[in-house]
Amino acid sequence: MLNLNRIGQRGLLVLLLALSLNSAGAASEAGALATLAGNGGQVFLDLNPGIQNAGSVLTVAYPDGKVLRREFQAGGAPFIEGPLTDGIYSYELTMNPVIDAATRRVLRTARQATGGQEALPVVDQLQAQGKLPVDPQVQSGNFTIAGGNLVNPDATE
């Protein structure tokens, strides 16, 4: 077994975690919904200004297994507040599509007609007409907190 001093163990852990995670790198790629950022004990997602939405939902799985789900209004920046314990977190950001009032009425009527179930033929038709997105706007990934701060996976030690 490797015998590393305390600083060496922590440095190796941070390096391995940074190499194993690609969330911030993936988030900075073209077409990403948001970019991860951190400030002290807070992690937030800077939304791509070209992404239109009617709000968003951020779900975060903590290292201890706790799951947090938060909803944000349109224009609100999704975030989680600390203190955040050291470890690996998983997240999923889902953007709510902008849907006009007439399309919402059609969906509501279809759900009522099916007893609250998804009315897939109606959804398919609305997607074909361009009134509903075909693919959901979802971004997921992982991030690491070490020493109470967000670890930048692009950083070199």
Protein backbone atom coordinates (compact mmCIF):
# COMPACT_ATOMS: atom_id res chain seq x y z
CA MET A 1 0.00 0.00 0.00
CA LEU A 2 1.22 3.48 -0.85
CA ASN A 3 2.41 5.53 2.10
CA LEU A 4 1.82 9.17 1.28
CA ASN A 5 2.01 12.06 3.69
CA ARG A 6 -1.19 13.95 4.44
CA ILE A 7 -0.58 16.66 1.83
CA GLY A 8 0.38 14.06 -0.76
CA GLN A 9 -2.79 12.06 -0.12
CA ARG A 10 -5.00 15.09 -0.47
CA GLY A 11 -3.18 16.28 -3.59
CA LEU A 12 -3.45 12.84 -5.17
CA LEU A 13 -7.16 12.66 -4.30
CA VAL A 14 -7.85 16.09 -5.79
CA LEU A 15 -5.84 15.24 -8.91
CA LEU A 16 -7.61 11.89 -9.41
CA LEU A 17 -11.02 13.45 -8.89
CA ALA A 18 -10.24 16.30 -11.26
CA LEU A 19 -9.05 13.89 -13.94
CA SER A 20 -12.06 11.64 -13.53
CA LEU A 21 -14.63 14.41 -13.84
CA ASN A 22 -15.50 16.30 -16.94
CA SER A 23 -18.56 18.31 -15.92
CA ALA A 24 -17.07 21.79 -16.14
CA GLY A 25 -15.21 20.88 -19.30
CA ALA A 26 -18.37 19.45 -20.83
CA ALA A 27 -20.36 22.42 -19.68
CA SER A 28 -18.05 24.79 -21.55
CA GLU A 29 -18.57 22.92 -24.82
CA ALA A 30 -20.74 24.42 -27.52
CA GLY A 31 -24.42 23.71 -26.96
CA ALA A 32 -24.16 23.39 -23.18
CA LEU A 33 -27.05 24.74 -21.16
CA ALA A 34 -24.85 26.13 -18.40
CA THR A 35 -21.34 26.33 -16.99
CA LEU A 36 -20.51 25.28 -13.43
CA ALA A 37 -18.96 27.91 -11.19
CA GLY A 38 -18.24 28.17 -7.49
CA ASN A 39 -17.82 30.88 -4.91
CA GLY A 40 -16.91 29.75 -1.43
CA GLY A 41 -19.56 27.33 -0.21
CA GLN A 42 -21.89 27.91 -3.15
CA VAL A 43 -22.04 26.17 -6.52
CA PHE A 44 -24.10 27.71 -9.29
CA LEU A 45 -24.72 27.20 -12.96
CA ASP A 46 -24.27 30.16 -15.28
CA LEU A 47 -27.00 29.71 -17.85
CA ASN A 48 -26.09 30.07 -21.50
CA PRO A 49 -27.77 33.35 -22.53
CA GLY A 50 -28.99 31.77 -25.79
CA ILE A 51 -31.07 29.16 -23.96
CA GLN A 52 -34.70 30.21 -23.62
CA ASN A 53 -36.62 28.60 -20.79
CA ALA A 54 -39.68 28.90 -18.62
CA GLY A 55 -37.69 27.98 -15.52
CA SER A 56 -35.45 25.12 -14.53
CA VAL A 57 -35.11 22.24 -12.11
CA LEU A 58 -31.78 21.41 -10.49
CA THR A 59 -31.38 18.01 -8.83
CA VAL A 60 -28.18 17.34 -6.87
CA ALA A 61 -27.06 14.08 -5.27
CA TYR A 62 -24.72 14.73 -2.34
CA PRO A 63 -21.80 12.44 -1.40
CA ASP A 64 -23.78 11.12 1.60
CA GLY A 65 -26.71 10.06 -0.61
CA LYS A 66 -28.98 13.02 0.18
CA VAL A 67 -30.81 14.36 -2.89
CA LEU A 68 -31.83 18.01 -3.26
CA ARG A 69 -34.34 19.15 -5.89
CA ARG A 70 -34.90 22.87 -6.44
CA GLU A 71 -37.07 24.69 -8.94
CA PHE A 72 -36.10 28.08 -10.33
CA GLN A 73 -38.13 30.72 -12.14
CA ALA A 74 -37.28 31.76 -15.70
CA GLY A 75 -34.16 33.91 -15.57
CA GLY A 76 -33.14 32.55 -12.16
CA ALA A 77 -29.63 31.14 -11.82
CA PRO A 78 -29.73 27.57 -10.47
CA PHE A 79 -27.53 27.13 -7.38
CA ILE A 80 -26.93 25.14 -4.23
CA GLU A 81 -25.70 26.71 -1.02
CA GLY A 82 -23.22 25.38 1.48
CA PRO A 83 -21.55 24.61 3.50
CA LEU A 84 -20.83 21.79 1.08
CA THR A 85 -18.90 18.85 2.43
CA ASP A 86 -15.94 17.51 0.52
CA GLY A 87 -16.78 14.81 -1.99
CA ILE A 88 -18.23 14.07 -5.39
CA TYR A 89 -21.65 15.46 -6.26
CA SER A 90 -23.85 14.55 -9.23
CA TYR A 91 -26.27 17.01 -10.77
CA GLU A 92 -28.96 17.24 -13.42
CA LEU A 93 -30.24 20.54 -14.78
CA THR A 94 -33.52 20.40 -16.71
CA MET A 95 -34.80 23.45 -18.51
CA ASN A 96 -38.57 23.89 -18.76
CA PRO A 97 -39.50 24.72 -22.36
CA VAL A 98 -41.25 27.95 -23.26
CA ILE A 99 -44.74 26.88 -24.35
CA ASP A 100 -47.41 29.26 -25.58
CA ALA A 101 -50.82 29.43 -23.88
CA ALA A 102 -52.68 27.66 -26.72
CA THR A 103 -50.29 24.69 -26.60
CA ARG A 104 -50.65 24.47 -22.80
CA ARG A 105 -54.45 24.35 -23.23
CA VAL A 106 -54.17 21.54 -25.80
CA LEU A 107 -51.90 19.55 -23.44
CA ARG A 108 -54.17 20.15 -20.45
CA THR A 109 -57.26 19.03 -22.43
CA ALA A 110 -55.43 15.92 -23.68
CA ARG A 111 -54.31 14.97 -20.14
CA GLN A 112 -57.83 15.43 -18.81
CA ALA A 113 -59.17 13.18 -21.58
CA THR A 114 -56.67 10.45 -20.63
CA GLY A 115 -57.27 10.66 -16.88
CA GLY A 116 -54.07 12.55 -16.17
CA GLN A 117 -51.83 10.32 -18.26
CA GLU A 118 -49.44 11.59 -20.91
CA ALA A 119 -51.26 11.88 -24.24
CA LEU A 120 -48.42 10.71 -26.49
CA PRO A 121 -50.21 11.11 -29.85
CA VAL A 122 -50.97 14.74 -28.99
CA VAL A 123 -47.41 15.33 -27.81
CA ASP A 124 -46.06 13.77 -31.03
CA GLN A 125 -48.32 16.02 -33.09
CA LEU A 126 -47.26 19.15 -31.20
CA GLN A 127 -43.60 18.19 -31.60
CA ALA A 128 -44.08 17.67 -35.35
CA GLN A 129 -45.65 21.15 -35.51
CA GLY A 130 -42.65 22.63 -33.67
CA LYS A 131 -44.77 23.70 -30.68
CA LEU A 132 -43.00 21.34 -28.25
CA PRO A 133 -39.30 20.46 -28.21
CA VAL A 134 -38.46 16.98 -29.49
CA ASP A 135 -35.54 16.55 -27.10
CA PRO A 136 -35.57 17.76 -23.51
CA GLN A 137 -32.99 20.38 -22.54
CA VAL A 138 -31.03 18.47 -19.91
CA GLN A 139 -27.45 18.74 -18.73
CA SER A 140 -25.95 16.38 -16.19
CA GLY A 141 -22.56 15.77 -14.73
CA ASN A 142 -20.44 15.64 -11.62
CA PHE A 143 -18.42 18.10 -9.62
CA THR A 144 -16.05 17.83 -6.71
CA ILE A 145 -15.80 19.87 -3.54
CA ALA A 146 -12.39 19.76 -1.84
CA GLY A 147 -11.43 21.98 1.07
CA GLY A 148 -14.90 23.51 0.88
CA ASN A 149 -14.39 24.79 -2.68
CA LEU A 150 -15.37 23.69 -6.16
CA VAL A 151 -12.50 21.84 -7.84
CA ASN A 152 -11.84 22.98 -11.38
CA PRO A 153 -11.35 19.78 -13.40
CA ASP A 154 -9.27 21.73 -15.93
CA ALA A 155 -6.77 22.81 -13.28
CA THR A 156 -3.37 21.18 -13.06
CA GLU A 157 -1.65 20.55 -9.78
